[in-house]
């Protein structure tokens, strides 16, 4: 009897929790809101693009075509795939894409050779990354 009560309680608890597995990463939101972050210059830092388009690390951004100010569709799809591989949907604080550039004092990882792009989780760009990781969708046109 006791096991049955525990099993029912556990099932109810699990059902009440939002399922991270139900969270999906939206390409439209990524392209419109997340991808521009990688090109933005922040004080005392280089743009993410500078290092991540020249490396062969887990997070790789496609090189911009000569004279381009933004990625084309194929390049953006590759950037989405690269960034998505470092995100645990529904779990921003378990996602390397969000933890690597976040200051250690704010819960970030101890090592990121590009420095601390975000001093806290209150930085607007970090919040955008977290919204994307939490499944925010682009507005339907």
C-alpha atoms as a PDB file:
ATOM      1  CA  UNK A   1       0.000   0.000   0.000  1.00  0.00           C
ATOM      2  CA  UNK A   2       2.765   2.406   0.959  1.00  0.00           C
ATOM      3  CA  UNK A   3       4.595   1.733  -2.345  1.00  0.00           C
ATOM      4  CA  UNK A   4       1.394   2.476  -4.261  1.00  0.00           C
ATOM      5  CA  UNK A   5       0.983   5.815  -2.506  1.00  0.00           C
ATOM      6  CA  UNK A   6       4.611   6.733  -3.200  1.00  0.00           C
ATOM      7  CA  UNK A   7       4.279   5.705  -6.847  1.00  0.00           C
ATOM      8  CA  UNK A   8       1.104   7.771  -7.301  1.00  0.00           C
ATOM      9  CA  UNK A   9       2.689  10.783  -5.581  1.00  0.00           C
ATOM     10  CA  UNK A  10       5.764  10.501  -7.790  1.00  0.00           C
ATOM     11  CA  UNK A  11       3.635  10.240 -10.930  1.00  0.00           C
ATOM     12  CA  UNK A  12       1.605  13.306  -9.969  1.00  0.00           C
ATOM     13  CA  UNK A  13       4.769  15.277  -9.209  1.00  0.00           C
ATOM     14  CA  UNK A  14       6.400  14.319 -12.502  1.00  0.00           C
ATOM     15  CA  UNK A  15       3.237  15.152 -14.430  1.00  0.00           C
ATOM     16  CA  UNK A  16       3.069  18.594 -12.810  1.00  0.00           C
ATOM     17  CA  UNK A  17       6.649  19.504 -13.746  1.00  0.00           C
ATOM     18  CA  UNK A  18       7.257  21.122 -17.138  1.00  0.00           C
ATOM     19  CA  UNK A  19       9.013  18.650 -19.368  1.00  0.00           C
ATOM     20  CA  UNK A  20      12.300  19.911 -20.735  1.00  0.00           C
ATOM     21  CA  UNK A  21      11.981  17.190 -23.359  1.00  0.00           C
ATOM     22  CA  UNK A  22       8.934  19.049 -24.728  1.00  0.00           C
ATOM     23  CA  UNK A  23      11.024  22.178 -25.314  1.00  0.00           C
ATOM     24  CA  UNK A  24      12.248  22.689 -28.854  1.00  0.00           C
ATOM     25  CA  UNK A  25      14.688  25.247 -30.182  1.00  0.00           C
ATOM     26  CA  UNK A  26      13.146  27.603 -32.717  1.00  0.00           C
ATOM     27  CA  UNK A  27      15.165  28.404 -35.828  1.00  0.00           C
ATOM     28  CA  UNK A  28      13.220  31.609 -36.560  1.00  0.00           C
ATOM     29  CA  UNK A  29      13.917  33.036 -33.096  1.00  0.00           C
ATOM     30  CA  UNK A  30      17.543  31.951 -33.394  1.00  0.00           C
ATOM     31  CA  UNK A  31      18.023  33.732 -36.713  1.00  0.00           C
ATOM     32  CA  UNK A  32      16.180  36.902 -35.710  1.00  0.00           C
ATOM     33  CA  UNK A  33      17.334  37.321 -32.111  1.00  0.00           C
ATOM     34  CA  UNK A  34      20.185  34.974 -31.167  1.00  0.00           C
ATOM     35  CA  UNK A  35      22.432  35.043 -34.219  1.00  0.00           C
ATOM     36  CA  UNK A  36      22.898  38.862 -34.147  1.00  0.00           C
ATOM     37  CA  UNK A  37      24.391  38.491 -30.645  1.00  0.00           C
ATOM     38  CA  UNK A  38      27.360  36.648 -32.162  1.00  0.00           C
ATOM     39  CA  UNK A  39      28.183  39.670 -34.351  1.00  0.00           C
ATOM     40  CA  UNK A  40      27.707  42.324 -31.654  1.00  0.00           C
ATOM     41  CA  UNK A  41      30.773  44.059 -30.242  1.00  0.00           C
ATOM     42  CA  UNK A  42      30.696  44.333 -26.464  1.00  0.00           C
ATOM     43  CA  UNK A  43      32.991  46.665 -24.498  1.00  0.00           C
ATOM     44  CA  UNK A  44      36.374  45.090 -23.711  1.00  0.00           C
ATOM     45  CA  UNK A  45      35.566  41.954 -25.740  1.00  0.00           C
ATOM     46  CA  UNK A  46      35.841  40.856 -29.330  1.00  0.00           C
ATOM     47  CA  UNK A  47      32.710  39.691 -31.106  1.00  0.00           C
ATOM     48  CA  UNK A  48      31.925  35.980 -30.672  1.00  0.00           C
ATOM     49  CA  UNK A  49      32.237  35.714 -34.442  1.00  0.00           C
ATOM     50  CA  UNK A  50      35.915  36.688 -34.417  1.00  0.00           C
ATOM     51  CA  UNK A  51      37.040  33.573 -32.554  1.00  0.00           C
ATOM     52  CA  UNK A  52      34.255  31.140 -33.321  1.00  0.00           C
ATOM     53  CA  UNK A  53      34.495  31.470 -37.111  1.00  0.00           C
ATOM     54  CA  UNK A  54      38.230  30.787 -37.037  1.00  0.00           C
ATOM     55  CA  UNK A  55      38.276  27.782 -34.732  1.00  0.00           C
ATOM     56  CA  UNK A  56      37.380  24.152 -34.769  1.00  0.00           C
ATOM     57  CA  UNK A  57      35.843  24.089 -31.268  1.00  0.00           C
ATOM     58  CA  UNK A  58      32.461  22.685 -30.294  1.00  0.00           C
ATOM     59  CA  UNK A  59      30.879  26.052 -31.101  1.00  0.00           C
ATOM     60  CA  UNK A  60      31.667  27.068 -34.649  1.00  0.00           C
ATOM     61  CA  UNK A  61      30.154  29.939 -36.612  1.00  0.00           C
ATOM     62  CA  UNK A  62      30.257  30.028 -40.395  1.00  0.00           C
ATOM     63  CA  UNK A  63      32.483  32.646 -41.998  1.00  0.00           C
ATOM     64  CA  UNK A  64      30.579  35.513 -43.524  1.00  0.00           C
ATOM     65  CA  UNK A  65      30.736  35.734 -47.292  1.00  0.00           C
ATOM     66  CA  UNK A  66      33.018  38.539 -48.540  1.00  0.00           C
ATOM     67  CA  UNK A  67      31.249  41.889 -48.091  1.00  0.00           C
ATOM     68  CA  UNK A  68      28.314  40.335 -46.201  1.00  0.00           C
ATOM     69  CA  UNK A  69      27.107  41.780 -42.903  1.00  0.00           C
ATOM     70  CA  UNK A  70      25.045  38.718 -42.008  1.00  0.00           C
ATOM     71  CA  UNK A  71      24.889  35.022 -42.803  1.00  0.00           C
ATOM     72  CA  UNK A  72      22.905  33.595 -45.711  1.00  0.00           C
ATOM     73  CA  UNK A  73      20.231  30.930 -45.114  1.00  0.00           C
ATOM     74  CA  UNK A  74      22.567  27.940 -45.487  1.00  0.00           C
ATOM     75  CA  UNK A  75      25.154  29.496 -43.159  1.00  0.00           C
ATOM     76  CA  UNK A  76      22.472  30.360 -40.586  1.00  0.00           C
ATOM     77  CA  UNK A  77      21.213  26.758 -40.632  1.00  0.00           C
ATOM     78  CA  UNK A  78      24.758  25.539 -39.906  1.00  0.00           C
ATOM     79  CA  UNK A  79      25.132  28.100 -37.109  1.00  0.00           C
ATOM     80  CA  UNK A  80      21.795  26.923 -35.678  1.00  0.00           C
ATOM     81  CA  UNK A  81      23.003  23.317 -35.705  1.00  0.00           C
ATOM     82  CA  UNK A  82      26.276  24.254 -34.009  1.00  0.00           C
ATOM     83  CA  UNK A  83      24.624  26.392 -31.324  1.00  0.00           C
ATOM     84  CA  UNK A  84      21.823  23.863 -30.765  1.00  0.00           C
ATOM     85  CA  UNK A  85      24.347  21.123 -30.032  1.00  0.00           C
ATOM     86  CA  UNK A  86      25.452  23.123 -26.985  1.00  0.00           C
ATOM     87  CA  UNK A  87      21.972  23.733 -25.576  1.00  0.00           C
ATOM     88  CA  UNK A  88      19.871  21.498 -23.375  1.00  0.00           C
ATOM     89  CA  UNK A  89      16.357  22.610 -24.368  1.00  0.00           C
ATOM     90  CA  UNK A  90      14.489  23.902 -21.352  1.00  0.00           C
ATOM     91  CA  UNK A  91      17.668  23.945 -19.246  1.00  0.00           C
ATOM     92  CA  UNK A  92      19.673  27.154 -19.828  1.00  0.00           C
ATOM     93  CA  UNK A  93      21.857  26.527 -16.770  1.00  0.00           C
ATOM     94  CA  UNK A  94      22.880  23.143 -18.168  1.00  0.00           C
ATOM     95  CA  UNK A  95      23.671  24.567 -21.610  1.00  0.00           C
ATOM     96  CA  UNK A  96      27.309  25.163 -22.542  1.00  0.00           C
ATOM     97  CA  UNK A  97      26.347  27.918 -24.988  1.00  0.00           C
ATOM     98  CA  UNK A  98      25.019  29.947 -22.065  1.00  0.00           C
ATOM     99  CA  UNK A  99      27.523  28.900 -19.397  1.00  0.00           C
ATOM    100  CA  UNK A 100      30.809  29.354 -21.269  1.00  0.00           C
ATOM    101  CA  UNK A 101      30.555  33.148 -21.737  1.00  0.00           C
ATOM    102  CA  UNK A 102      28.828  33.783 -18.381  1.00  0.00           C
ATOM    103  CA  UNK A 103      30.868  35.127 -15.457  1.00  0.00           C
ATOM    104  CA  UNK A 104      31.853  32.507 -12.918  1.00  0.00           C
ATOM    105  CA  UNK A 105      30.216  34.558 -10.141  1.00  0.00           C
ATOM    106  CA  UNK A 106      26.911  34.334 -12.044  1.00  0.00           C
ATOM    107  CA  UNK A 107      27.105  30.562 -12.409  1.00  0.00           C
ATOM    108  CA  UNK A 108      29.187  30.314 -15.569  1.00  0.00           C
ATOM    109  CA  UNK A 109      31.849  27.742 -16.375  1.00  0.00           C
ATOM    110  CA  UNK A 110      35.349  28.293 -15.051  1.00  0.00           C
ATOM    111  CA  UNK A 111      36.975  28.418 -18.481  1.00  0.00           C
ATOM    112  CA  UNK A 112      36.190  30.387 -21.637  1.00  0.00           C
ATOM    113  CA  UNK A 113      39.158  31.670 -23.574  1.00  0.00           C
ATOM    114  CA  UNK A 114      37.002  34.504 -24.926  1.00  0.00           C
ATOM    115  CA  UNK A 115      36.507  35.937 -21.471  1.00  0.00           C
ATOM    116  CA  UNK A 116      33.277  36.713 -19.716  1.00  0.00           C
ATOM    117  CA  UNK A 117      31.017  38.189 -22.373  1.00  0.00           C
ATOM    118  CA  UNK A 118      28.155  38.370 -19.866  1.00  0.00           C
ATOM    119  CA  UNK A 119      28.766  39.562 -16.305  1.00  0.00           C
ATOM    120  CA  UNK A 120      25.374  38.347 -15.114  1.00  0.00           C
ATOM    121  CA  UNK A 121      22.204  36.616 -16.204  1.00  0.00           C
ATOM    122  CA  UNK A 122      20.609  40.080 -16.317  1.00  0.00           C
ATOM    123  CA  UNK A 123      22.535  41.108 -19.451  1.00  0.00           C
ATOM    124  CA  UNK A 124      19.892  41.467 -22.208  1.00  0.00           C
ATOM    125  CA  UNK A 125      21.796  39.301 -24.694  1.00  0.00           C
ATOM    126  CA  UNK A 126      22.193  36.493 -22.145  1.00  0.00           C
ATOM    127  CA  UNK A 127      18.463  36.687 -21.465  1.00  0.00           C
ATOM    128  CA  UNK A 128      17.786  36.271 -25.197  1.00  0.00           C
ATOM    129  CA  UNK A 129      19.963  33.161 -25.260  1.00  0.00           C
ATOM    130  CA  UNK A 130      18.086  31.807 -22.235  1.00  0.00           C
ATOM    131  CA  UNK A 131      14.706  32.554 -23.825  1.00  0.00           C
ATOM    132  CA  UNK A 132      15.771  30.628 -26.926  1.00  0.00           C
ATOM    133  CA  UNK A 133      17.001  27.715 -24.783  1.00  0.00           C
ATOM    134  CA  UNK A 134      13.618  27.771 -23.038  1.00  0.00           C
ATOM    135  CA  UNK A 135      11.817  27.421 -26.363  1.00  0.00           C
ATOM    136  CA  UNK A 136      10.812  30.982 -27.231  1.00  0.00           C
ATOM    137  CA  UNK A 137       9.404  31.146 -30.741  1.00  0.00           C
ATOM    138  CA  UNK A 138       9.732  33.810 -33.414  1.00  0.00           C
ATOM    139  CA  UNK A 139       6.527  35.739 -34.070  1.00  0.00           C
ATOM    140  CA  UNK A 140       4.489  34.248 -36.906  1.00  0.00           C
ATOM    141  CA  UNK A 141       4.358  36.604 -39.855  1.00  0.00           C
END
